[in-house]
């Protein structure tokens, strides 16, 4: 608990008349029950969970959650899973990452109606999803803060913010690399303000600039596109890179994954419970 005030005297020997009221107040406080809880302490910078390179993980965003996978890290949908699912994984000694889309609007989310039409761009290739105008931070910051607060309330350890590279796509807005840097750093600050670690999703070109702001990385298909060397700043900083391939067999990339110390999985595009690792 952090105390906000203090009693001030006039010197080391304050007068008895001044001390008596103070003593009465203290005696009253001692007999009137426990004090009201104070504000929650702010997280200390640098104390967020930081997974190490090579740690195994499970990524499941669809289907009924299977908590039995023998992996120390789980990445699951933040809206579709509640505090009970997170607590169950914690009982199994798992760290749990909260998947959220922070760069695209999803019509099927419960807060979809809070996004004004002015920030909705073109489709991002997934049904019911549209890129967001990440320049509109006055609109998006409170919405994303509420989402991240939801993750914290449910007990998650970290956030995986998705669609973090709109500037490289046909979004419907004239987004620049600087726009993306500002927005990605905003998301990282929001996560840290809620005491959560945060991962950089894809956005390979900006890794050298953004690595200090993030606690790990999540990458899709860097082996298929021969881009895995781009994630090495995270590895060199002692931070995990959670990596998934959808089309390549593990034999095609596992040797390179071991060399680079990536946490690699073979997954199906639906991201259900099924997975294959480089160790199985």
C-alpha atoms as a PDB file:
ATOM      1  CA  UNK A   1       0.000   0.000   0.000  1.00  0.00           C
ATOM      2  CA  UNK A   2       1.260   3.478  -0.834  1.00  0.00           C
ATOM      3  CA  UNK A   3       0.389   6.163   1.675  1.00  0.00           C
ATOM      4  CA  UNK A   4      -0.486   9.505   0.086  1.00  0.00           C
ATOM      5  CA  UNK A   5      -0.092  11.840   3.050  1.00  0.00           C
ATOM      6  CA  UNK A   6       1.900  12.316   6.230  1.00  0.00           C
ATOM      7  CA  UNK A   7       1.471  14.092   9.603  1.00  0.00           C
ATOM      8  CA  UNK A   8       3.641  17.173   9.897  1.00  0.00           C
ATOM      9  CA  UNK A   9       4.672  18.715  13.240  1.00  0.00           C
ATOM     10  CA  UNK A  10       6.432  21.957  14.011  1.00  0.00           C
ATOM     11  CA  UNK A  11       9.670  20.250  14.982  1.00  0.00           C
ATOM     12  CA  UNK A  12      10.930  17.264  16.940  1.00  0.00           C
ATOM     13  CA  UNK A  13       9.081  18.442  20.069  1.00  0.00           C
ATOM     14  CA  UNK A  14       5.679  19.598  18.877  1.00  0.00           C
ATOM     15  CA  UNK A  15       3.467  21.003  21.616  1.00  0.00           C
ATOM     16  CA  UNK A  16       1.290  18.689  23.645  1.00  0.00           C
ATOM     17  CA  UNK A  17      -1.804  20.612  22.556  1.00  0.00           C
ATOM     18  CA  UNK A  18      -0.976  19.833  18.949  1.00  0.00           C
ATOM     19  CA  UNK A  19      -0.181  16.197  19.702  1.00  0.00           C
ATOM     20  CA  UNK A  20      -3.389  15.380  21.585  1.00  0.00           C
ATOM     21  CA  UNK A  21      -5.745  15.732  18.560  1.00  0.00           C
ATOM     22  CA  UNK A  22      -3.380  13.618  16.508  1.00  0.00           C
ATOM     23  CA  UNK A  23      -3.343  10.898  19.172  1.00  0.00           C
ATOM     24  CA  UNK A  24      -7.135  10.944  19.319  1.00  0.00           C
ATOM     25  CA  UNK A  25      -7.324  10.504  15.550  1.00  0.00           C
ATOM     26  CA  UNK A  26      -4.892   7.589  15.661  1.00  0.00           C
ATOM     27  CA  UNK A  27      -6.752   5.902  18.510  1.00  0.00           C
ATOM     28  CA  UNK A  28     -10.024   6.276  16.660  1.00  0.00           C
ATOM     29  CA  UNK A  29      -8.510   4.756  13.510  1.00  0.00           C
ATOM     30  CA  UNK A  30      -7.249   1.776  15.519  1.00  0.00           C
ATOM     31  CA  UNK A  31     -10.747   0.940  16.753  1.00  0.00           C
ATOM     32  CA  UNK A  32     -12.828   1.653  13.661  1.00  0.00           C
ATOM     33  CA  UNK A  33     -11.893  -1.387  11.539  1.00  0.00           C
ATOM     34  CA  UNK A  34      -9.368  -1.905   8.749  1.00  0.00           C
ATOM     35  CA  UNK A  35      -8.564   1.034   6.446  1.00  0.00           C
ATOM     36  CA  UNK A  36     -10.044   1.185   2.979  1.00  0.00           C
ATOM     37  CA  UNK A  37      -7.766  -0.381   0.366  1.00  0.00           C
ATOM     38  CA  UNK A  38      -5.551   2.078  -1.430  1.00  0.00           C
ATOM     39  CA  UNK A  39      -4.876   2.268  -5.156  1.00  0.00           C
ATOM     40  CA  UNK A  40      -3.162  -0.666  -6.823  1.00  0.00           C
ATOM     41  CA  UNK A  41       0.599  -0.105  -7.112  1.00  0.00           C
ATOM     42  CA  UNK A  42       1.824   0.838 -10.544  1.00  0.00           C
ATOM     43  CA  UNK A  43       3.970  -1.797 -12.262  1.00  0.00           C
ATOM     44  CA  UNK A  44       7.683  -1.147 -12.072  1.00  0.00           C
ATOM     45  CA  UNK A  45       9.198  -0.602 -15.537  1.00  0.00           C
ATOM     46  CA  UNK A  46      11.237  -3.574 -16.680  1.00  0.00           C
ATOM     47  CA  UNK A  47       9.478  -6.114 -14.463  1.00  0.00           C
ATOM     48  CA  UNK A  48       7.078  -7.491 -17.067  1.00  0.00           C
ATOM     49  CA  UNK A  49       7.266 -11.157 -17.943  1.00  0.00           C
ATOM     50  CA  UNK A  50       9.934 -11.748 -20.573  1.00  0.00           C
ATOM     51  CA  UNK A  51       9.953 -15.240 -22.143  1.00  0.00           C
ATOM     52  CA  UNK A  52      13.383 -16.515 -23.119  1.00  0.00           C
ATOM     53  CA  UNK A  53      14.415 -17.657 -26.604  1.00  0.00           C
ATOM     54  CA  UNK A  54      13.502 -21.231 -27.449  1.00  0.00           C
ATOM     55  CA  UNK A  55      10.672 -21.656 -24.925  1.00  0.00           C
ATOM     56  CA  UNK A  56       7.908 -23.962 -26.194  1.00  0.00           C
ATOM     57  CA  UNK A  57       4.393 -22.620 -26.744  1.00  0.00           C
ATOM     58  CA  UNK A  58       0.859 -23.446 -27.814  1.00  0.00           C
ATOM     59  CA  UNK A  59      -1.210 -21.108 -30.019  1.00  0.00           C
ATOM     60  CA  UNK A  60      -4.937 -21.820 -30.020  1.00  0.00           C
ATOM     61  CA  UNK A  61      -7.427 -19.239 -31.253  1.00  0.00           C
ATOM     62  CA  UNK A  62     -10.348 -21.473 -32.257  1.00  0.00           C
ATOM     63  CA  UNK A  63     -12.256 -24.446 -30.888  1.00  0.00           C
ATOM     64  CA  UNK A  64     -12.708 -25.493 -27.296  1.00  0.00           C
ATOM     65  CA  UNK A  65      -9.582 -24.725 -25.317  1.00  0.00           C
ATOM     66  CA  UNK A  66      -7.398 -27.759 -24.697  1.00  0.00           C
ATOM     67  CA  UNK A  67      -5.379 -26.981 -21.547  1.00  0.00           C
ATOM     68  CA  UNK A  68      -3.511 -30.287 -21.571  1.00  0.00           C
ATOM     69  CA  UNK A  69      -0.779 -29.449 -24.087  1.00  0.00           C
ATOM     70  CA  UNK A  70       2.627 -29.774 -22.428  1.00  0.00           C
ATOM     71  CA  UNK A  71       3.880 -26.269 -23.216  1.00  0.00           C
ATOM     72  CA  UNK A  72       4.867 -23.583 -20.693  1.00  0.00           C
ATOM     73  CA  UNK A  73       3.281 -20.762 -22.743  1.00  0.00           C
ATOM     74  CA  UNK A  74      -0.252 -20.530 -24.158  1.00  0.00           C
ATOM     75  CA  UNK A  75      -1.506 -17.858 -26.579  1.00  0.00           C
ATOM     76  CA  UNK A  76      -5.329 -17.768 -26.625  1.00  0.00           C
ATOM     77  CA  UNK A  77      -8.159 -15.459 -27.707  1.00  0.00           C
ATOM     78  CA  UNK A  78      -8.803 -12.699 -25.169  1.00  0.00           C
ATOM     79  CA  UNK A  79     -12.512 -12.338 -25.895  1.00  0.00           C
ATOM     80  CA  UNK A  80     -13.379 -16.028 -26.192  1.00  0.00           C
ATOM     81  CA  UNK A  81     -11.686 -17.101 -22.971  1.00  0.00           C
ATOM     82  CA  UNK A  82     -12.479 -15.928 -19.467  1.00  0.00           C
ATOM     83  CA  UNK A  83     -10.764 -15.714 -16.111  1.00  0.00           C
ATOM     84  CA  UNK A  84     -11.593 -19.362 -15.393  1.00  0.00           C
ATOM     85  CA  UNK A  85      -9.677 -20.600 -18.453  1.00  0.00           C
ATOM     86  CA  UNK A  86      -6.709 -18.387 -17.627  1.00  0.00           C
ATOM     87  CA  UNK A  87      -6.747 -19.610 -14.014  1.00  0.00           C
ATOM     88  CA  UNK A  88      -6.849 -23.222 -15.165  1.00  0.00           C
ATOM     89  CA  UNK A  89      -3.753 -22.682 -17.297  1.00  0.00           C
ATOM     90  CA  UNK A  90      -2.044 -20.939 -14.400  1.00  0.00           C
ATOM     91  CA  UNK A  91      -2.821 -23.938 -12.191  1.00  0.00           C
ATOM     92  CA  UNK A  92      -0.944 -25.981 -14.766  1.00  0.00           C
ATOM     93  CA  UNK A  93       2.009 -23.575 -14.430  1.00  0.00           C
ATOM     94  CA  UNK A  94       1.468 -21.952 -17.838  1.00  0.00           C
ATOM     95  CA  UNK A  95       2.015 -18.334 -18.778  1.00  0.00           C
ATOM     96  CA  UNK A  96      -0.940 -17.052 -20.809  1.00  0.00           C
ATOM     97  CA  UNK A  97      -0.907 -14.526 -23.667  1.00  0.00           C
ATOM     98  CA  UNK A  98      -4.072 -12.616 -24.610  1.00  0.00           C
ATOM     99  CA  UNK A  99      -4.672 -12.448 -28.366  1.00  0.00           C
ATOM    100  CA  UNK A 100      -6.298  -9.185 -29.530  1.00  0.00           C
ATOM    101  CA  UNK A 101      -6.636  -7.473 -32.874  1.00  0.00           C
ATOM    102  CA  UNK A 102      -5.400  -3.927 -32.367  1.00  0.00           C
ATOM    103  CA  UNK A 103      -4.911  -2.909 -35.994  1.00  0.00           C
ATOM    104  CA  UNK A 104      -8.121  -4.216 -37.552  1.00  0.00           C
ATOM    105  CA  UNK A 105     -11.835  -3.963 -36.757  1.00  0.00           C
ATOM    106  CA  UNK A 106     -13.731  -7.226 -36.299  1.00  0.00           C
ATOM    107  CA  UNK A 107     -17.495  -7.127 -36.772  1.00  0.00           C
ATOM    108  CA  UNK A 108     -18.002 -10.140 -34.481  1.00  0.00           C
ATOM    109  CA  UNK A 109     -16.485  -8.619 -31.336  1.00  0.00           C
ATOM    110  CA  UNK A 110     -18.778  -7.293 -28.582  1.00  0.00           C
ATOM    111  CA  UNK A 111     -17.293  -3.786 -28.817  1.00  0.00           C
ATOM    112  CA  UNK A 112     -17.539  -3.550 -32.625  1.00  0.00           C
ATOM    113  CA  UNK A 113     -20.275  -0.898 -32.461  1.00  0.00           C
ATOM    114  CA  UNK A 114     -17.991   1.497 -30.584  1.00  0.00           C
ATOM    115  CA  UNK A 115     -15.748   2.011 -33.626  1.00  0.00           C
ATOM    116  CA  UNK A 116     -16.931   4.941 -35.796  1.00  0.00           C
ATOM    117  CA  UNK A 117     -17.124   4.445 -39.545  1.00  0.00           C
ATOM    118  CA  UNK A 118     -14.431   7.082 -40.036  1.00  0.00           C
ATOM    119  CA  UNK A 119     -11.714   4.728 -38.741  1.00  0.00           C
ATOM    120  CA  UNK A 120     -12.779   1.657 -40.750  1.00  0.00           C
ATOM    121  CA  UNK A 121     -10.763   0.985 -43.891  1.00  0.00           C
ATOM    122  CA  UNK A 122     -10.569  -1.776 -46.447  1.00  0.00           C
ATOM    123  CA  UNK A 123     -10.840  -5.476 -45.682  1.00  0.00           C
ATOM    124  CA  UNK A 124      -7.698  -7.195 -44.455  1.00  0.00           C
ATOM    125  CA  UNK A 125      -8.414 -10.509 -46.167  1.00  0.00           C
ATOM    126  CA  UNK A 126     -10.368 -12.097 -43.324  1.00  0.00           C
ATOM    127  CA  UNK A 127     -14.167 -12.191 -43.346  1.00  0.00           C
ATOM    128  CA  UNK A 128     -15.720  -9.449 -41.245  1.00  0.00           C
ATOM    129  CA  UNK A 129     -12.441  -7.596 -40.660  1.00  0.00           C
ATOM    130  CA  UNK A 130     -11.264  -4.170 -41.850  1.00  0.00           C
ATOM    131  CA  UNK A 131      -8.067  -2.231 -41.316  1.00  0.00           C
ATOM    132  CA  UNK A 132      -8.185   0.626 -38.809  1.00  0.00           C
ATOM    133  CA  UNK A 133      -6.934   4.163 -39.348  1.00  0.00           C
ATOM    134  CA  UNK A 134      -4.126   3.949 -36.821  1.00  0.00           C
ATOM    135  CA  UNK A 135      -3.517   7.696 -37.126  1.00  0.00           C
ATOM    136  CA  UNK A 136      -6.786   8.268 -35.214  1.00  0.00           C
ATOM    137  CA  UNK A 137      -5.315   7.614 -31.791  1.00  0.00           C
ATOM    138  CA  UNK A 138      -7.835   9.896 -30.084  1.00  0.00           C
ATOM    139  CA  UNK A 139     -10.523   7.402 -31.096  1.00  0.00           C
ATOM    140  CA  UNK A 140      -8.554   4.167 -30.901  1.00  0.00           C
ATOM    141  CA  UNK A 141      -6.530   4.624 -27.717  1.00  0.00           C
ATOM    142  CA  UNK A 142      -9.470   4.376 -25.269  1.00  0.00           C
ATOM    143  CA  UNK A 143     -10.929   1.442 -27.201  1.00  0.00           C
ATOM    144  CA  UNK A 144      -7.650  -0.464 -27.153  1.00  0.00           C
ATOM    145  CA  UNK A 145      -7.023   0.474 -23.544  1.00  0.00           C
ATOM    146  CA  UNK A 146     -10.383  -1.075 -22.634  1.00  0.00           C
ATOM    147  CA  UNK A 147      -9.486  -4.272 -24.483  1.00  0.00           C
ATOM    148  CA  UNK A 148      -6.117  -4.552 -22.792  1.00  0.00           C
ATOM    149  CA  UNK A 149      -7.705  -3.795 -19.416  1.00  0.00           C
ATOM    150  CA  UNK A 150     -10.036  -6.740 -20.079  1.00  0.00           C
ATOM    151  CA  UNK A 151      -7.004  -8.996 -20.551  1.00  0.00           C
ATOM    152  CA  UNK A 152      -5.483  -7.766 -17.303  1.00  0.00           C
ATOM    153  CA  UNK A 153      -8.741  -8.264 -15.389  1.00  0.00           C
ATOM    154  CA  UNK A 154      -8.970 -11.865 -16.624  1.00  0.00           C
ATOM    155  CA  UNK A 155      -5.475 -12.548 -15.294  1.00  0.00           C
ATOM    156  CA  UNK A 156      -3.477 -12.810 -18.524  1.00  0.00           C
ATOM    157  CA  UNK A 157       0.298 -12.350 -18.369  1.00  0.00           C
ATOM    158  CA  UNK A 158       0.798 -10.714 -21.750  1.00  0.00           C
ATOM    159  CA  UNK A 159      -0.854  -9.403 -24.909  1.00  0.00           C
ATOM    160  CA  UNK A 160      -0.397 -10.450 -28.532  1.00  0.00           C
ATOM    161  CA  UNK A 161      -1.655  -7.442 -30.538  1.00  0.00           C
ATOM    162  CA  UNK A 162      -2.449  -8.494 -34.106  1.00  0.00           C
ATOM    163  CA  UNK A 163      -2.526  -6.596 -37.425  1.00  0.00           C
ATOM    164  CA  UNK A 164       0.391  -4.375 -36.454  1.00  0.00           C
ATOM    165  CA  UNK A 165       1.679  -3.730 -39.986  1.00  0.00           C
ATOM    166  CA  UNK A 166      -1.185  -1.888 -41.703  1.00  0.00           C
ATOM    167  CA  UNK A 167       1.209   0.527 -43.371  1.00  0.00           C
ATOM    168  CA  UNK A 168       2.511  -2.323 -45.556  1.00  0.00           C
ATOM    169  CA  UNK A 169      -0.992  -3.229 -46.728  1.00  0.00           C
ATOM    170  CA  UNK A 170      -3.758  -1.678 -48.810  1.00  0.00           C
ATOM    171  CA  UNK A 171      -5.603  -0.336 -45.792  1.00  0.00           C
ATOM    172  CA  UNK A 172      -7.657   2.433 -47.397  1.00  0.00           C
ATOM    173  CA  UNK A 173      -5.603   5.066 -45.580  1.00  0.00           C
ATOM    174  CA  UNK A 174      -2.300   6.776 -46.521  1.00  0.00           C
ATOM    175  CA  UNK A 175      -0.408   5.231 -43.637  1.00  0.00           C
ATOM    176  CA  UNK A 176       3.327   5.692 -43.268  1.00  0.00           C
ATOM    177  CA  UNK A 177       6.047   3.799 -41.444  1.00  0.00           C
ATOM    178  CA  UNK A 178       6.127   6.585 -38.844  1.00  0.00           C
ATOM    179  CA  UNK A 179       2.376   6.195 -38.282  1.00  0.00           C
ATOM    180  CA  UNK A 180       2.934   2.503 -37.601  1.00  0.00           C
ATOM    181  CA  UNK A 181       5.840   3.122 -35.238  1.00  0.00           C
ATOM    182  CA  UNK A 182       3.795   5.585 -33.193  1.00  0.00           C
ATOM    183  CA  UNK A 183       0.792   3.282 -33.008  1.00  0.00           C
ATOM    184  CA  UNK A 184       2.758   0.153 -32.147  1.00  0.00           C
ATOM    185  CA  UNK A 185       4.568   1.985 -29.376  1.00  0.00           C
ATOM    186  CA  UNK A 186       1.227   3.244 -28.083  1.00  0.00           C
ATOM    187  CA  UNK A 187      -0.069  -0.328 -27.837  1.00  0.00           C
ATOM    188  CA  UNK A 188       3.095  -1.388 -26.014  1.00  0.00           C
ATOM    189  CA  UNK A 189       2.712   1.462 -23.520  1.00  0.00           C
ATOM    190  CA  UNK A 190      -0.925   0.572 -22.871  1.00  0.00           C
ATOM    191  CA  UNK A 191      -0.032  -3.060 -22.193  1.00  0.00           C
ATOM    192  CA  UNK A 192       2.772  -2.106 -19.839  1.00  0.00           C
ATOM    193  CA  UNK A 193       0.510   0.382 -18.038  1.00  0.00           C
ATOM    194  CA  UNK A 194      -1.722  -2.569 -17.173  1.00  0.00           C
ATOM    195  CA  UNK A 195       1.231  -4.651 -15.965  1.00  0.00           C
ATOM    196  CA  UNK A 196       1.234  -6.937 -19.007  1.00  0.00           C
ATOM    197  CA  UNK A 197       4.073  -8.021 -21.256  1.00  0.00           C
ATOM    198  CA  UNK A 198       3.507  -7.355 -24.953  1.00  0.00           C
ATOM    199  CA  UNK A 199       4.683  -8.970 -28.184  1.00  0.00           C
ATOM    200  CA  UNK A 200       5.380  -7.462 -31.587  1.00  0.00           C
ATOM    201  CA  UNK A 201       3.372  -9.313 -34.236  1.00  0.00           C
ATOM    202  CA  UNK A 202       5.149  -9.660 -37.587  1.00  0.00           C
ATOM    203  CA  UNK A 203       6.163  -6.112 -38.794  1.00  0.00           C
ATOM    204  CA  UNK A 204       9.626  -7.418 -39.604  1.00  0.00           C
ATOM    205  CA  UNK A 205      10.953  -4.230 -41.202  1.00  0.00           C
ATOM    206  CA  UNK A 206      10.498  -2.240 -37.998  1.00  0.00           C
ATOM    207  CA  UNK A 207      11.954  -4.781 -35.567  1.00  0.00           C
ATOM    208  CA  UNK A 208      15.262  -2.893 -35.128  1.00  0.00           C
ATOM    209  CA  UNK A 209      13.347   0.202 -34.009  1.00  0.00           C
ATOM    210  CA  UNK A 210      10.600  -1.515 -32.005  1.00  0.00           C
ATOM    211  CA  UNK A 211      12.434  -4.334 -30.223  1.00  0.00           C
ATOM    212  CA  UNK A 212      13.216  -2.187 -27.144  1.00  0.00           C
ATOM    213  CA  UNK A 213       9.504  -1.447 -26.704  1.00  0.00           C
ATOM    214  CA  UNK A 214       8.368  -5.080 -26.751  1.00  0.00           C
ATOM    215  CA  UNK A 215       9.010  -8.122 -24.565  1.00  0.00           C
ATOM    216  CA  UNK A 216       8.807 -10.852 -27.229  1.00  0.00           C
ATOM    217  CA  UNK A 217       7.807 -11.308 -30.863  1.00  0.00           C
ATOM    218  CA  UNK A 218       5.204 -13.394 -32.679  1.00  0.00           C
ATOM    219  CA  UNK A 219       5.921 -14.302 -36.286  1.00  0.00           C
ATOM    220  CA  UNK A 220       4.062 -16.115 -39.029  1.00  0.00           C
ATOM    221  CA  UNK A 221       5.784 -17.874 -41.921  1.00  0.00           C
ATOM    222  CA  UNK A 222       9.226 -16.310 -41.761  1.00  0.00           C
ATOM    223  CA  UNK A 223      10.697 -19.651 -42.895  1.00  0.00           C
ATOM    224  CA  UNK A 224       8.398 -19.919 -45.914  1.00  0.00           C
ATOM    225  CA  UNK A 225       9.391 -16.429 -47.033  1.00  0.00           C
ATOM    226  CA  UNK A 226      13.043 -16.782 -45.968  1.00  0.00           C
ATOM    227  CA  UNK A 227      12.849 -13.883 -43.519  1.00  0.00           C
ATOM    228  CA  UNK A 228      13.712 -15.463 -40.174  1.00  0.00           C
ATOM    229  CA  UNK A 229      17.028 -13.667 -39.839  1.00  0.00           C
ATOM    230  CA  UNK A 230      15.015 -10.452 -39.433  1.00  0.00           C
ATOM    231  CA  UNK A 231      13.793 -11.506 -35.980  1.00  0.00           C
ATOM    232  CA  UNK A 232      17.265 -11.959 -34.514  1.00  0.00           C
ATOM    233  CA  UNK A 233      17.285  -8.592 -32.647  1.00  0.00           C
ATOM    234  CA  UNK A 234      14.748 -10.113 -30.260  1.00  0.00           C
ATOM    235  CA  UNK A 235      16.827 -13.259 -29.780  1.00  0.00           C
ATOM    236  CA  UNK A 236      19.976 -11.222 -29.211  1.00  0.00           C
ATOM    237  CA  UNK A 237      18.105  -9.218 -26.562  1.00  0.00           C
ATOM    238  CA  UNK A 238      17.165 -12.442 -24.747  1.00  0.00           C
ATOM    239  CA  UNK A 239      13.509 -12.314 -25.835  1.00  0.00           C
ATOM    240  CA  UNK A 240      11.504 -15.191 -27.299  1.00  0.00           C
ATOM    241  CA  UNK A 241      10.256 -15.278 -30.880  1.00  0.00           C
ATOM    242  CA  UNK A 242       7.071 -17.366 -31.077  1.00  0.00           C
ATOM    243  CA  UNK A 243       7.045 -18.616 -34.658  1.00  0.00           C
ATOM    244  CA  UNK A 244       4.390 -20.508 -36.657  1.00  0.00           C
ATOM    245  CA  UNK A 245       4.410 -22.059 -40.115  1.00  0.00           C
ATOM    246  CA  UNK A 246       1.272 -23.246 -41.905  1.00  0.00           C
ATOM    247  CA  UNK A 247       2.442 -24.779 -45.176  1.00  0.00           C
ATOM    248  CA  UNK A 248       5.988 -26.058 -44.601  1.00  0.00           C
ATOM    249  CA  UNK A 249       6.736 -29.391 -42.983  1.00  0.00           C
ATOM    250  CA  UNK A 250       8.916 -29.075 -39.855  1.00  0.00           C
ATOM    251  CA  UNK A 251      11.802 -30.825 -41.595  1.00  0.00           C
ATOM    252  CA  UNK A 252      12.028 -27.800 -43.891  1.00  0.00           C
ATOM    253  CA  UNK A 253      12.689 -25.270 -41.124  1.00  0.00           C
ATOM    254  CA  UNK A 254      13.501 -26.943 -37.802  1.00  0.00           C
ATOM    255  CA  UNK A 255      17.266 -26.948 -38.246  1.00  0.00           C
ATOM    256  CA  UNK A 256      17.190 -23.207 -38.920  1.00  0.00           C
ATOM    257  CA  UNK A 257      14.797 -22.660 -36.020  1.00  0.00           C
ATOM    258  CA  UNK A 258      17.190 -24.405 -33.653  1.00  0.00           C
ATOM    259  CA  UNK A 259      20.102 -22.353 -34.950  1.00  0.00           C
ATOM    260  CA  UNK A 260      18.196 -19.106 -34.448  1.00  0.00           C
ATOM    261  CA  UNK A 261      16.616 -20.247 -31.134  1.00  0.00           C
ATOM    262  CA  UNK A 262      13.079 -19.697 -32.400  1.00  0.00           C
ATOM    263  CA  UNK A 263      10.030 -21.176 -30.666  1.00  0.00           C
ATOM    264  CA  UNK A 264       8.615 -22.832 -33.775  1.00  0.00           C
ATOM    265  CA  UNK A 265       5.283 -24.575 -34.405  1.00  0.00           C
ATOM    266  CA  UNK A 266       3.529 -26.081 -37.387  1.00  0.00           C
ATOM    267  CA  UNK A 267      -0.127 -25.007 -37.208  1.00  0.00           C
ATOM    268  CA  UNK A 268      -3.235 -25.122 -39.365  1.00  0.00           C
ATOM    269  CA  UNK A 269      -4.666 -21.782 -40.494  1.00  0.00           C
ATOM    270  CA  UNK A 270      -7.688 -22.214 -38.180  1.00  0.00           C
ATOM    271  CA  UNK A 271      -5.303 -22.218 -35.195  1.00  0.00           C
ATOM    272  CA  UNK A 272      -7.136 -24.955 -33.343  1.00  0.00           C
ATOM    273  CA  UNK A 273      -5.522 -27.272 -30.767  1.00  0.00           C
ATOM    274  CA  UNK A 274      -3.465 -29.288 -33.293  1.00  0.00           C
ATOM    275  CA  UNK A 275       0.234 -28.502 -33.502  1.00  0.00           C
ATOM    276  CA  UNK A 276       3.593 -30.027 -34.348  1.00  0.00           C
ATOM    277  CA  UNK A 277       6.881 -28.845 -32.898  1.00  0.00           C
ATOM    278  CA  UNK A 278      10.498 -29.230 -33.854  1.00  0.00           C
ATOM    279  CA  UNK A 279      10.899 -31.629 -30.931  1.00  0.00           C
ATOM    280  CA  UNK A 280       8.087 -34.061 -31.789  1.00  0.00           C
END
